[in-house]
C-alpha cells in the first residue's frame, strides 16, 4: 500500500518520516511528547476555507491547495466558546466534586476549522492501513475544542497497534447553529456541516498518514 509519505532531512541528516503531502499542501509534523519518537503528531491543519466575511453564514468550503509546506506544530485557534466553564461528571453522584473541568481556550477565532492527526511511525504501520478513530469533542455545541489536553490521541496511538486518532474543531454557538429564519434550512446547522467536512477531509487524506479510508470510526 502506498502511504503517501514524503521523506525529508531532519537536523541530524537522517531521513525523516514527518513530511507528507495532503490533498491541499505538504504538511510537516513532529513527534509527540513522551512517545519515544513512535507517534507522529500533526496539529492545526486547515480542513476548510476560513468561514469569515462572506463565508460566515455559509456551509464550509473545501480548503484550496497551496504550495508552501504547512508547519503542523501547534493547535489551531478554537471556535468561539460561551466563556463558561463546563465541569465533567466524575460519576460519583450529584454531590461529588469533579476533579476535571474543560479549560478555557488559549486562542479563539472565527478562523478555527482545523484538524489534528496522531499516527504511528512508518515502522509500526501495517500494509493494509491503520484503523482510524475520529474524535468529535463535546460541550453542548457551545464550548470546547480539540486543544483540550485530555483529548490528545498520542497515548492511544503509542499504546495500541496500528491505530490513528484524528480530532478537529467545528463552529459553535451562533456561528455554528444560527437557526436564523433568513438563512436557508441547509445553512442553519453549520457546525454539523463542519463535522461532515472534517469526516470528508479524513476520508480523502488519511491514507497519506498510513490510515485506511474504509476503517474510520467516529466517537466522542
N, C-alpha and C. Protein backbone atom coordinates (compact mmCIF):
# COMPACT_ATOMS: atom_id res chain seq x y z
N UNK A 1 0.84 -1.20 0.00
CA UNK A 1 0.00 0.00 0.00
C UNK A 1 0.87 1.24 0.00
N UNK A 2 0.57 2.18 -0.87
CA UNK A 2 1.32 3.43 -0.90
C UNK A 2 0.79 4.36 0.18
N UNK A 3 1.65 4.74 1.14
CA UNK A 3 1.21 5.56 2.26
C UNK A 3 1.29 7.05 1.98
N UNK A 4 1.86 7.44 0.85
CA UNK A 4 1.91 8.85 0.50
C UNK A 4 2.87 9.66 1.32
N UNK A 5 3.82 9.02 2.00
CA UNK A 5 4.75 9.74 2.85
C UNK A 5 5.90 10.29 2.01
N UNK A 6 6.31 11.51 2.33
CA UNK A 6 7.43 12.15 1.64
C UNK A 6 8.58 12.27 2.61
N UNK A 7 9.77 11.92 2.20
CA UNK A 7 10.91 11.98 3.11
C UNK A 7 11.56 13.35 3.06
N UNK A 8 12.14 13.74 4.18
CA UNK A 8 12.88 15.00 4.28
C UNK A 8 14.08 14.74 5.17
N UNK A 9 14.97 15.70 5.26
CA UNK A 9 16.14 15.56 6.12
C UNK A 9 15.91 16.33 7.42
N UNK A 10 16.08 15.66 8.56
CA UNK A 10 15.96 16.36 9.84
C UNK A 10 17.30 16.99 10.21
N UNK A 11 17.36 17.55 11.43
CA UNK A 11 18.55 18.32 11.83
C UNK A 11 19.79 17.44 11.95
N UNK A 12 19.61 16.12 12.09
CA UNK A 12 20.76 15.24 12.21
C UNK A 12 21.19 14.68 10.86
N UNK A 13 20.46 15.01 9.80
CA UNK A 13 20.78 14.50 8.48
C UNK A 13 20.14 13.16 8.18
N UNK A 14 19.35 12.61 9.14
CA UNK A 14 18.69 11.33 8.91
C UNK A 14 17.40 11.52 8.13
N UNK A 15 16.98 10.47 7.44
CA UNK A 15 15.73 10.54 6.70
C UNK A 15 14.57 10.68 7.68
N UNK A 16 13.68 11.61 7.40
CA UNK A 16 12.56 11.88 8.29
C UNK A 16 11.26 11.39 7.67
N UNK A 17 10.33 10.95 8.50
CA UNK A 17 9.01 10.49 8.06
C UNK A 17 7.93 11.52 8.38
N UNK A 18 8.33 12.71 8.75
CA UNK A 18 7.38 13.70 9.27
C UNK A 18 6.77 14.60 8.21
N UNK A 19 7.33 14.62 7.03
CA UNK A 19 6.82 15.48 5.95
C UNK A 19 6.05 14.62 4.96
N UNK A 20 4.80 15.00 4.69
CA UNK A 20 3.98 14.26 3.73
C UNK A 20 3.09 15.23 2.97
N UNK A 21 2.50 14.73 1.90
CA UNK A 21 1.60 15.53 1.09
C UNK A 21 0.16 15.20 1.43
N UNK A 22 -0.65 16.24 1.70
CA UNK A 22 -2.09 16.07 1.80
C UNK A 22 -2.71 16.56 0.49
N UNK A 23 -4.01 16.51 0.40
CA UNK A 23 -4.69 16.96 -0.81
C UNK A 23 -4.57 18.46 -1.02
N UNK A 24 -4.23 19.20 0.05
CA UNK A 24 -4.14 20.66 -0.07
C UNK A 24 -2.73 21.19 -0.01
N UNK A 25 -1.82 20.51 0.68
CA UNK A 25 -0.46 21.04 0.79
C UNK A 25 0.46 20.01 1.40
N UNK A 26 1.78 20.20 1.25
CA UNK A 26 2.72 19.43 2.08
C UNK A 26 2.54 19.83 3.55
N UNK A 27 2.66 18.86 4.44
CA UNK A 27 2.47 19.10 5.87
C UNK A 27 3.66 18.54 6.62
N UNK A 28 4.22 19.34 7.51
CA UNK A 28 5.35 18.92 8.33
C UNK A 28 4.88 18.73 9.77
N UNK A 29 5.00 17.52 10.27
CA UNK A 29 4.62 17.22 11.64
C UNK A 29 5.83 17.13 12.56
N UNK A 30 5.63 16.53 13.72
CA UNK A 30 6.71 16.33 14.69
C UNK A 30 6.35 15.08 15.49
N UNK A 31 7.27 14.64 16.33
CA UNK A 31 6.98 13.51 17.20
C UNK A 31 6.30 14.00 18.48
N UNK A 32 5.23 13.32 18.87
CA UNK A 32 4.51 13.71 20.08
C UNK A 32 5.38 13.46 21.31
N UNK A 33 5.22 14.31 22.30
CA UNK A 33 5.98 14.19 23.55
C UNK A 33 5.67 12.87 24.25
N UNK A 34 6.67 12.33 24.90
CA UNK A 34 6.54 11.12 25.73
C UNK A 34 6.11 9.89 24.94
N UNK A 35 6.50 9.82 23.68
CA UNK A 35 6.17 8.64 22.87
C UNK A 35 7.41 7.98 22.29
N UNK A 36 8.59 8.42 22.72
CA UNK A 36 9.86 7.85 22.24
C UNK A 36 9.95 7.85 20.72
N UNK A 37 9.46 8.93 20.11
CA UNK A 37 9.51 9.10 18.65
C UNK A 37 8.76 8.00 17.89
N UNK A 38 7.71 7.45 18.50
CA UNK A 38 6.92 6.41 17.84
C UNK A 38 5.59 6.94 17.31
N UNK A 39 5.22 8.18 17.69
CA UNK A 39 3.94 8.75 17.27
C UNK A 39 4.19 10.07 16.55
N UNK A 40 3.74 10.15 15.32
CA UNK A 40 3.81 11.40 14.56
C UNK A 40 2.59 12.25 14.87
N UNK A 41 2.80 13.53 15.16
CA UNK A 41 1.73 14.43 15.56
C UNK A 41 1.64 15.59 14.56
N UNK A 42 0.44 15.81 14.02
CA UNK A 42 0.18 16.90 13.08
C UNK A 42 -0.98 17.72 13.63
N UNK A 43 -0.73 18.98 13.93
CA UNK A 43 -1.72 19.81 14.61
C UNK A 43 -2.12 21.01 13.75
N UNK A 44 -3.42 21.37 13.85
CA UNK A 44 -3.89 22.62 13.29
C UNK A 44 -3.97 22.70 11.78
N UNK A 45 -4.11 21.57 11.08
CA UNK A 45 -4.19 21.59 9.62
C UNK A 45 -5.55 22.13 9.18
N UNK A 46 -5.63 23.15 8.35
CA UNK A 46 -6.94 23.64 7.89
C UNK A 46 -7.64 22.58 7.03
N UNK A 47 -8.90 22.29 7.38
CA UNK A 47 -9.66 21.34 6.56
C UNK A 47 -10.73 22.04 5.73
N UNK A 48 -10.86 23.36 5.88
CA UNK A 48 -11.82 24.14 5.11
C UNK A 48 -11.32 25.57 5.01
N UNK A 49 -11.86 26.32 4.07
CA UNK A 49 -11.53 27.73 3.95
C UNK A 49 -12.03 28.47 5.18
N UNK A 50 -11.29 29.45 5.73
CA UNK A 50 -11.77 30.18 6.91
C UNK A 50 -13.19 30.72 6.71
N UNK A 51 -14.12 30.42 7.63
CA UNK A 51 -15.52 30.84 7.48
C UNK A 51 -15.74 32.27 7.96
N UNK A 52 -15.12 33.21 7.29
CA UNK A 52 -15.19 34.61 7.67
C UNK A 52 -15.72 35.44 6.50
N UNK A 53 -16.10 36.69 6.80
CA UNK A 53 -16.58 37.57 5.74
C UNK A 53 -17.80 36.98 5.06
N UNK A 54 -17.79 36.90 3.73
CA UNK A 54 -18.96 36.36 3.01
C UNK A 54 -19.22 34.88 3.27
N UNK A 55 -18.25 34.18 3.88
CA UNK A 55 -18.45 32.75 4.17
C UNK A 55 -18.93 32.51 5.61
N UNK A 56 -19.21 33.60 6.34
CA UNK A 56 -19.55 33.46 7.77
C UNK A 56 -20.79 32.58 7.97
N UNK A 57 -21.82 32.77 7.22
CA UNK A 57 -23.06 32.01 7.39
C UNK A 57 -23.25 31.00 6.25
N UNK A 58 -22.15 30.52 5.72
CA UNK A 58 -22.20 29.58 4.61
C UNK A 58 -21.71 28.20 5.06
N UNK A 59 -22.14 27.21 4.33
CA UNK A 59 -21.60 25.86 4.54
C UNK A 59 -20.09 25.88 4.30
N UNK A 60 -19.34 24.98 4.93
CA UNK A 60 -17.88 25.00 4.77
C UNK A 60 -17.47 24.79 3.32
N UNK A 61 -16.43 25.51 2.92
CA UNK A 61 -15.87 25.42 1.58
C UNK A 61 -14.54 24.69 1.68
N UNK A 62 -14.33 23.71 0.83
CA UNK A 62 -13.09 22.94 0.88
C UNK A 62 -11.87 23.86 0.74
N UNK A 63 -10.87 23.60 1.56
CA UNK A 63 -9.65 24.41 1.51
C UNK A 63 -8.97 24.29 0.16
N UNK A 64 -8.48 25.41 -0.35
CA UNK A 64 -7.76 25.40 -1.62
C UNK A 64 -6.34 24.89 -1.41
N UNK A 65 -5.77 24.33 -2.45
CA UNK A 65 -4.40 23.83 -2.37
C UNK A 65 -3.42 25.00 -2.38
N UNK A 66 -2.37 24.89 -1.58
CA UNK A 66 -1.30 25.87 -1.60
C UNK A 66 0.03 25.14 -1.65
N UNK A 67 1.04 25.82 -2.18
CA UNK A 67 2.32 25.16 -2.49
C UNK A 67 3.26 25.06 -1.29
N UNK A 68 3.21 26.01 -0.39
CA UNK A 68 4.19 26.01 0.71
C UNK A 68 3.88 24.89 1.69
N UNK A 69 4.89 24.49 2.44
CA UNK A 69 4.72 23.45 3.45
C UNK A 69 4.07 24.03 4.69
N UNK A 70 3.03 23.36 5.18
CA UNK A 70 2.33 23.80 6.39
C UNK A 70 3.03 23.19 7.60
N UNK A 71 3.43 24.03 8.55
CA UNK A 71 4.08 23.58 9.77
C UNK A 71 3.02 23.24 10.80
N UNK A 72 2.75 21.95 10.94
CA UNK A 72 1.66 21.49 11.82
C UNK A 72 2.16 21.25 13.24
N UNK A 73 2.68 22.31 13.86
CA UNK A 73 3.33 22.17 15.16
C UNK A 73 2.47 22.60 16.34
N UNK A 74 1.38 23.33 16.09
CA UNK A 74 0.54 23.82 17.19
C UNK A 74 -0.93 23.69 16.82
N UNK A 75 -1.77 23.58 17.83
CA UNK A 75 -3.21 23.54 17.60
C UNK A 75 -3.68 24.84 16.97
N UNK A 76 -4.67 24.74 16.10
CA UNK A 76 -5.28 25.94 15.55
C UNK A 76 -6.15 26.63 16.58
N UNK A 77 -6.57 27.84 16.26
CA UNK A 77 -7.46 28.58 17.15
C UNK A 77 -8.75 27.80 17.37
N UNK A 78 -9.32 27.95 18.56
CA UNK A 78 -10.57 27.29 18.90
C UNK A 78 -11.74 28.15 18.42
N UNK A 79 -12.80 27.51 17.96
CA UNK A 79 -14.00 28.26 17.60
C UNK A 79 -14.57 28.94 18.85
N UNK A 80 -15.24 30.08 18.68
CA UNK A 80 -15.67 30.88 19.82
C UNK A 80 -16.54 30.08 20.79
N UNK A 81 -16.13 30.09 22.06
CA UNK A 81 -16.85 29.45 23.15
C UNK A 81 -17.80 30.44 23.82
N UNK A 82 -18.59 29.92 24.76
CA UNK A 82 -19.50 30.80 25.50
C UNK A 82 -18.80 31.58 26.59
N UNK A 83 -17.60 31.14 26.98
CA UNK A 83 -16.92 31.76 28.11
C UNK A 83 -17.28 31.11 29.43
N UNK A 84 -18.09 30.05 29.41
CA UNK A 84 -18.48 29.35 30.62
C UNK A 84 -17.61 28.11 30.81
N UNK A 85 -17.41 27.73 32.06
CA UNK A 85 -16.67 26.51 32.37
C UNK A 85 -17.65 25.36 32.48
N UNK A 86 -17.27 24.21 31.96
CA UNK A 86 -18.14 23.03 31.99
C UNK A 86 -17.48 21.94 32.80
N UNK A 87 -17.99 21.65 34.03
CA UNK A 87 -17.41 20.55 34.81
C UNK A 87 -17.76 19.21 34.19
N UNK A 88 -16.84 18.27 34.31
CA UNK A 88 -17.04 16.92 33.79
C UNK A 88 -17.54 16.03 34.92
N UNK A 89 -18.65 15.33 34.70
CA UNK A 89 -19.23 14.46 35.72
C UNK A 89 -18.26 13.34 36.06
N UNK A 90 -17.90 13.23 37.33
CA UNK A 90 -16.96 12.19 37.75
C UNK A 90 -17.64 10.85 37.93
N UNK A 91 -18.99 10.81 37.86
CA UNK A 91 -19.72 9.55 38.01
C UNK A 91 -19.92 9.12 39.44
N UNK A 92 -19.61 10.00 40.40
CA UNK A 92 -19.71 9.63 41.81
C UNK A 92 -20.95 10.23 42.48
N UNK A 93 -21.90 10.71 41.70
CA UNK A 93 -23.13 11.23 42.29
C UNK A 93 -23.21 12.74 42.23
N UNK A 94 -24.43 13.24 42.49
CA UNK A 94 -24.70 14.68 42.34
C UNK A 94 -23.92 15.53 43.32
N UNK A 95 -23.55 14.98 44.47
CA UNK A 95 -22.86 15.76 45.50
C UNK A 95 -21.35 15.69 45.38
N UNK A 96 -20.86 14.98 44.38
CA UNK A 96 -19.42 14.86 44.23
C UNK A 96 -18.84 16.09 43.55
N UNK A 97 -17.57 16.34 43.79
CA UNK A 97 -16.85 17.43 43.14
C UNK A 97 -15.95 16.86 42.07
N UNK A 98 -16.20 17.22 40.83
CA UNK A 98 -15.41 16.67 39.74
C UNK A 98 -14.01 17.26 39.74
N UNK A 99 -12.98 16.44 39.58
CA UNK A 99 -11.61 16.97 39.53
C UNK A 99 -11.25 17.51 38.15
N UNK A 100 -12.14 17.38 37.17
CA UNK A 100 -11.82 17.75 35.79
C UNK A 100 -12.76 18.84 35.31
N UNK A 101 -12.22 19.86 34.69
CA UNK A 101 -13.01 20.88 34.02
C UNK A 101 -12.38 21.19 32.67
N UNK A 102 -13.22 21.50 31.69
CA UNK A 102 -12.69 21.89 30.40
C UNK A 102 -11.99 23.23 30.55
N UNK A 103 -10.73 23.33 30.17
CA UNK A 103 -10.01 24.61 30.30
C UNK A 103 -10.49 25.62 29.28
N UNK A 104 -10.25 26.88 29.55
CA UNK A 104 -10.58 27.91 28.59
C UNK A 104 -9.62 27.85 27.42
N UNK A 105 -10.13 28.11 26.21
CA UNK A 105 -9.24 28.07 25.04
C UNK A 105 -8.16 29.14 25.11
N UNK A 106 -6.93 28.83 24.71
CA UNK A 106 -5.87 29.84 24.71
C UNK A 106 -6.10 30.90 23.64
N UNK A 107 -6.65 30.50 22.49
CA UNK A 107 -6.91 31.42 21.38
C UNK A 107 -8.25 31.05 20.77
N UNK A 108 -9.11 32.06 20.55
CA UNK A 108 -10.39 31.84 19.89
C UNK A 108 -10.47 32.71 18.65
N UNK A 109 -11.12 32.19 17.62
CA UNK A 109 -11.22 32.93 16.36
C UNK A 109 -12.33 32.33 15.52
N UNK A 110 -12.86 33.12 14.58
CA UNK A 110 -13.76 32.54 13.58
C UNK A 110 -12.98 31.63 12.62
N UNK A 111 -11.71 31.93 12.42
CA UNK A 111 -10.85 31.10 11.57
C UNK A 111 -10.37 29.92 12.41
N UNK A 112 -11.21 28.89 12.52
CA UNK A 112 -10.95 27.84 13.51
C UNK A 112 -11.14 26.43 12.97
N UNK A 113 -11.36 26.28 11.68
CA UNK A 113 -11.68 24.95 11.15
C UNK A 113 -10.39 24.19 10.84
N UNK A 114 -9.85 23.56 11.87
CA UNK A 114 -8.59 22.83 11.73
C UNK A 114 -8.74 21.42 12.27
N UNK A 115 -7.81 20.56 11.85
CA UNK A 115 -7.88 19.14 12.17
C UNK A 115 -6.50 18.67 12.64
N UNK A 116 -6.48 17.64 13.48
CA UNK A 116 -5.24 17.13 14.06
C UNK A 116 -5.16 15.62 13.83
N UNK A 117 -3.95 15.12 13.62
CA UNK A 117 -3.75 13.69 13.34
C UNK A 117 -2.60 13.17 14.20
N UNK A 118 -2.83 12.04 14.86
CA UNK A 118 -1.77 11.31 15.56
C UNK A 118 -1.63 9.96 14.86
N UNK A 119 -0.47 9.68 14.31
CA UNK A 119 -0.26 8.47 13.52
C UNK A 119 1.01 7.75 13.97
N UNK A 120 1.02 6.43 13.90
CA UNK A 120 2.25 5.70 14.23
C UNK A 120 3.36 6.02 13.24
N UNK A 121 4.59 5.83 13.67
CA UNK A 121 5.71 5.92 12.75
C UNK A 121 5.62 4.83 11.70
N UNK A 122 6.34 5.01 10.60
CA UNK A 122 6.26 4.07 9.48
C UNK A 122 6.51 2.62 9.90
N UNK A 123 7.45 2.41 10.81
CA UNK A 123 7.81 1.05 11.17
C UNK A 123 6.69 0.33 11.92
N UNK A 124 5.71 1.07 12.44
CA UNK A 124 4.62 0.46 13.20
C UNK A 124 3.34 0.34 12.38
N UNK A 125 3.38 0.76 11.12
CA UNK A 125 2.21 0.67 10.27
C UNK A 125 2.16 -0.67 9.54
N UNK A 126 0.97 -1.18 9.34
CA UNK A 126 0.78 -2.40 8.58
C UNK A 126 0.38 -2.05 7.15
N UNK A 127 0.60 -2.98 6.25
CA UNK A 127 0.41 -2.70 4.82
C UNK A 127 -1.05 -2.45 4.45
N UNK A 128 -2.01 -2.94 5.25
CA UNK A 128 -3.41 -2.74 4.90
C UNK A 128 -3.98 -1.44 5.46
N UNK A 129 -3.16 -0.64 6.11
CA UNK A 129 -3.61 0.65 6.63
C UNK A 129 -4.15 0.55 8.04
N UNK A 130 -3.91 1.59 8.82
CA UNK A 130 -4.33 1.62 10.22
C UNK A 130 -5.81 1.94 10.34
N UNK A 131 -6.43 1.42 11.40
CA UNK A 131 -7.79 1.82 11.76
C UNK A 131 -7.76 3.27 12.23
N UNK A 132 -8.84 4.00 11.96
CA UNK A 132 -8.88 5.43 12.25
C UNK A 132 -10.00 5.72 13.26
N UNK A 133 -9.65 6.37 14.37
CA UNK A 133 -10.62 6.82 15.37
C UNK A 133 -10.77 8.33 15.22
N UNK A 134 -11.96 8.78 14.87
CA UNK A 134 -12.22 10.20 14.60
C UNK A 134 -13.01 10.78 15.76
N UNK A 135 -12.35 11.62 16.56
CA UNK A 135 -12.93 12.15 17.80
C UNK A 135 -13.70 13.44 17.53
N UNK A 136 -14.95 13.51 18.01
CA UNK A 136 -15.77 14.73 17.94
C UNK A 136 -15.94 15.23 19.37
N UNK A 137 -15.37 16.38 19.67
CA UNK A 137 -15.42 16.87 21.06
C UNK A 137 -16.83 17.29 21.45
N UNK A 138 -17.12 17.19 22.75
CA UNK A 138 -18.41 17.59 23.28
C UNK A 138 -18.41 19.04 23.74
N UNK A 139 -19.46 19.40 24.50
CA UNK A 139 -19.59 20.75 25.01
C UNK A 139 -20.93 21.39 24.70
N UNK A 140 -21.91 20.56 24.33
CA UNK A 140 -23.25 21.08 24.10
C UNK A 140 -23.37 22.05 22.95
N UNK A 141 -22.46 21.98 22.00
CA UNK A 141 -22.43 22.88 20.83
C UNK A 141 -22.18 24.34 21.22
N UNK A 142 -21.69 24.59 22.44
CA UNK A 142 -21.43 25.97 22.86
C UNK A 142 -20.00 26.19 23.35
N UNK A 143 -19.29 25.13 23.69
CA UNK A 143 -17.91 25.31 24.15
C UNK A 143 -17.11 24.04 23.92
N UNK A 144 -15.80 24.15 24.14
CA UNK A 144 -14.89 23.04 23.94
C UNK A 144 -14.06 23.22 22.68
N UNK A 145 -13.12 22.33 22.50
CA UNK A 145 -12.25 22.38 21.33
C UNK A 145 -11.23 21.27 21.38
N UNK A 146 -10.59 21.01 20.27
CA UNK A 146 -9.65 19.89 20.19
C UNK A 146 -8.35 20.14 20.95
N UNK A 147 -8.11 21.39 21.38
CA UNK A 147 -6.89 21.71 22.12
C UNK A 147 -6.88 21.08 23.51
N UNK A 148 -8.02 20.69 24.05
CA UNK A 148 -8.14 20.20 25.42
C UNK A 148 -7.12 19.07 25.66
N UNK A 149 -6.27 19.20 26.69
CA UNK A 149 -5.15 18.26 26.86
C UNK A 149 -5.56 16.80 26.89
N UNK A 150 -6.67 16.45 27.59
CA UNK A 150 -7.01 15.03 27.68
C UNK A 150 -7.75 14.53 26.45
N UNK A 151 -7.85 15.35 25.40
CA UNK A 151 -8.35 14.88 24.10
C UNK A 151 -7.20 14.46 23.17
N UNK A 152 -5.98 14.57 23.61
CA UNK A 152 -4.85 14.19 22.77
C UNK A 152 -4.93 12.71 22.42
N UNK A 153 -4.63 12.39 21.16
CA UNK A 153 -4.63 10.99 20.74
C UNK A 153 -3.29 10.31 20.84
N UNK A 154 -2.28 11.01 21.36
CA UNK A 154 -0.92 10.48 21.36
C UNK A 154 -0.80 9.18 22.15
N UNK A 155 -1.40 9.13 23.34
CA UNK A 155 -1.25 7.94 24.17
C UNK A 155 -1.94 6.73 23.56
N UNK A 156 -3.11 6.95 22.94
CA UNK A 156 -3.81 5.83 22.30
C UNK A 156 -2.94 5.24 21.19
N UNK A 157 -2.38 6.12 20.35
CA UNK A 157 -1.56 5.65 19.24
C UNK A 157 -0.28 5.00 19.74
N UNK A 158 0.29 5.54 20.81
CA UNK A 158 1.51 4.96 21.38
C UNK A 158 1.27 3.56 21.93
N UNK A 159 0.13 3.36 22.61
CA UNK A 159 -0.10 2.14 23.36
C UNK A 159 -0.87 1.07 22.59
N UNK A 160 -1.44 1.41 21.42
CA UNK A 160 -2.20 0.46 20.63
C UNK A 160 -1.46 0.12 19.34
N UNK A 161 -1.93 -0.91 18.66
CA UNK A 161 -1.29 -1.37 17.44
C UNK A 161 -2.07 -0.90 16.22
N UNK A 162 -1.37 -0.21 15.31
CA UNK A 162 -1.94 0.14 14.01
C UNK A 162 -3.23 0.95 14.12
N UNK A 163 -3.19 2.02 14.91
CA UNK A 163 -4.34 2.90 15.11
C UNK A 163 -3.91 4.34 14.88
N UNK A 164 -4.78 5.12 14.23
CA UNK A 164 -4.60 6.56 14.05
C UNK A 164 -5.76 7.27 14.73
N UNK A 165 -5.48 8.40 15.39
CA UNK A 165 -6.52 9.21 16.03
C UNK A 165 -6.56 10.58 15.34
N UNK A 166 -7.77 11.05 15.07
CA UNK A 166 -7.99 12.35 14.44
C UNK A 166 -8.96 13.14 15.30
N UNK A 167 -8.71 14.45 15.48
CA UNK A 167 -9.66 15.33 16.15
C UNK A 167 -9.74 16.64 15.38
N UNK A 168 -10.73 17.46 15.68
CA UNK A 168 -10.91 18.69 14.90
C UNK A 168 -11.80 19.67 15.66
N UNK A 169 -11.81 20.90 15.19
CA UNK A 169 -12.71 21.93 15.69
C UNK A 169 -13.88 22.12 14.73
N UNK A 170 -15.01 22.55 15.26
CA UNK A 170 -16.16 22.88 14.43
C UNK A 170 -16.87 24.10 15.05
N UNK A 171 -17.57 24.85 14.22
CA UNK A 171 -18.20 26.09 14.69
C UNK A 171 -19.24 25.82 15.77
N UNK A 172 -19.24 26.68 16.79
CA UNK A 172 -20.12 26.57 17.94
C UNK A 172 -21.01 27.80 18.06
N UNK A 173 -21.95 27.73 19.02
CA UNK A 173 -22.80 28.89 19.33
C UNK A 173 -23.53 29.40 18.08
N UNK A 174 -23.73 30.70 18.01
CA UNK A 174 -24.45 31.29 16.88
C UNK A 174 -23.70 31.11 15.58
N UNK A 175 -22.36 31.03 15.64
CA UNK A 175 -21.59 30.85 14.41
C UNK A 175 -21.81 29.46 13.82
N UNK A 176 -22.08 28.48 14.66
CA UNK A 176 -22.28 27.12 14.18
C UNK A 176 -23.73 26.71 14.04
N UNK A 177 -24.59 27.33 14.85
CA UNK A 177 -26.00 26.94 14.86
C UNK A 177 -26.89 28.19 14.92
N UNK A 178 -26.84 29.02 13.89
CA UNK A 178 -27.58 30.29 13.93
C UNK A 178 -29.09 30.11 13.92
N UNK A 179 -29.59 29.10 13.21
CA UNK A 179 -31.02 28.84 13.11
C UNK A 179 -31.80 30.11 12.79
N UNK A 180 -31.22 30.96 11.97
CA UNK A 180 -31.86 32.24 11.62
C UNK A 180 -32.87 32.04 10.51
N UNK A 181 -34.08 32.57 10.65
CA UNK A 181 -35.10 32.39 9.61
C UNK A 181 -34.67 32.89 8.24
N UNK A 182 -33.77 33.88 8.20
CA UNK A 182 -33.32 34.42 6.92
C UNK A 182 -32.36 33.52 6.18
N UNK A 183 -31.88 32.47 6.83
CA UNK A 183 -30.96 31.54 6.18
C UNK A 183 -31.72 30.34 5.63
N UNK A 184 -31.26 29.77 4.52
CA UNK A 184 -31.87 28.53 4.02
C UNK A 184 -31.72 27.44 5.08
N UNK A 185 -32.66 26.51 5.15
CA UNK A 185 -32.58 25.45 6.16
C UNK A 185 -31.26 24.70 6.12
N UNK A 186 -30.64 24.57 4.94
CA UNK A 186 -29.38 23.83 4.83
C UNK A 186 -28.20 24.58 5.41
N UNK A 187 -28.39 25.85 5.82
CA UNK A 187 -27.29 26.64 6.37
C UNK A 187 -27.53 27.03 7.83
N UNK A 188 -28.47 26.39 8.50
CA UNK A 188 -28.77 26.76 9.88
C UNK A 188 -28.02 25.90 10.89
N UNK A 189 -27.44 24.80 10.45
CA UNK A 189 -26.67 23.92 11.33
C UNK A 189 -25.25 23.80 10.79
N UNK A 190 -24.56 24.94 10.75
CA UNK A 190 -23.24 24.99 10.13
C UNK A 190 -22.23 24.13 10.88
N UNK A 191 -22.40 24.03 12.20
CA UNK A 191 -21.47 23.22 12.98
C UNK A 191 -21.49 21.76 12.55
N UNK A 192 -22.68 21.22 12.29
CA UNK A 192 -22.77 19.83 11.85
C UNK A 192 -22.23 19.67 10.43
N UNK A 193 -22.38 20.70 9.61
CA UNK A 193 -21.78 20.66 8.28
C UNK A 193 -20.25 20.67 8.38
N UNK A 194 -19.72 21.37 9.39
CA UNK A 194 -18.28 21.32 9.64
C UNK A 194 -17.84 19.91 10.01
N UNK A 195 -18.64 19.24 10.86
CA UNK A 195 -18.32 17.86 11.23
C UNK A 195 -18.25 16.99 9.97
N UNK A 196 -19.21 17.16 9.09
CA UNK A 196 -19.21 16.38 7.85
C UNK A 196 -17.96 16.69 7.02
N UNK A 197 -17.61 17.98 6.94
CA UNK A 197 -16.43 18.36 6.15
C UNK A 197 -15.16 17.74 6.72
N UNK A 198 -15.07 17.68 8.06
CA UNK A 198 -13.89 17.07 8.68
C UNK A 198 -13.82 15.57 8.40
N UNK A 199 -14.97 14.91 8.41
CA UNK A 199 -15.01 13.48 8.07
C UNK A 199 -14.58 13.28 6.62
N UNK A 200 -15.07 14.14 5.72
CA UNK A 200 -14.70 14.03 4.31
C UNK A 200 -13.20 14.27 4.11
N UNK A 201 -12.65 15.27 4.83
CA UNK A 201 -11.21 15.53 4.74
C UNK A 201 -10.44 14.29 5.19
N UNK A 202 -10.88 13.68 6.28
CA UNK A 202 -10.20 12.49 6.79
C UNK A 202 -10.25 11.37 5.76
N UNK A 203 -11.41 11.17 5.15
CA UNK A 203 -11.55 10.10 4.15
C UNK A 203 -10.63 10.34 2.96
N UNK A 204 -10.48 11.60 2.54
CA UNK A 204 -9.63 11.91 1.39
C UNK A 204 -8.15 11.79 1.71
N UNK A 205 -7.77 12.08 2.94
CA UNK A 205 -6.35 12.27 3.25
C UNK A 205 -5.71 11.20 4.14
N UNK A 206 -6.50 10.40 4.82
CA UNK A 206 -5.92 9.58 5.88
C UNK A 206 -4.96 8.53 5.36
N UNK A 207 -5.12 8.08 4.12
CA UNK A 207 -4.17 7.10 3.56
C UNK A 207 -2.77 7.68 3.49
N UNK A 208 -2.66 9.00 3.36
CA UNK A 208 -1.36 9.64 3.29
C UNK A 208 -0.63 9.58 4.64
N UNK A 209 -1.40 9.40 5.72
CA UNK A 209 -0.82 9.25 7.05
C UNK A 209 -0.63 7.78 7.41
N UNK A 210 -1.06 6.88 6.53
CA UNK A 210 -0.95 5.45 6.79
C UNK A 210 -2.24 4.81 7.22
N UNK A 211 -3.36 5.55 7.19
CA UNK A 211 -4.65 5.01 7.62
C UNK A 211 -5.46 4.43 6.49
N UNK A 212 -6.50 3.69 6.84
CA UNK A 212 -7.39 3.08 5.87
C UNK A 212 -8.68 3.89 5.78
N UNK A 213 -9.02 4.46 4.62
CA UNK A 213 -10.27 5.22 4.48
C UNK A 213 -11.52 4.39 4.72
N UNK A 214 -11.40 3.07 4.60
CA UNK A 214 -12.57 2.19 4.80
C UNK A 214 -12.71 1.73 6.25
N UNK A 215 -11.82 2.22 7.14
CA UNK A 215 -11.86 1.79 8.54
C UNK A 215 -11.87 3.00 9.46
N UNK A 216 -12.85 3.90 9.26
CA UNK A 216 -12.97 5.11 10.07
C UNK A 216 -14.14 4.96 11.02
N UNK A 217 -13.89 5.17 12.31
CA UNK A 217 -14.93 5.09 13.35
C UNK A 217 -15.04 6.45 14.02
N UNK A 218 -16.27 6.98 14.10
CA UNK A 218 -16.50 8.24 14.81
C UNK A 218 -16.80 7.93 16.28
N UNK A 219 -16.21 8.72 17.17
CA UNK A 219 -16.53 8.59 18.59
C UNK A 219 -16.41 9.95 19.26
N UNK A 220 -17.00 10.09 20.46
CA UNK A 220 -16.94 11.38 21.13
C UNK A 220 -18.04 11.52 22.15
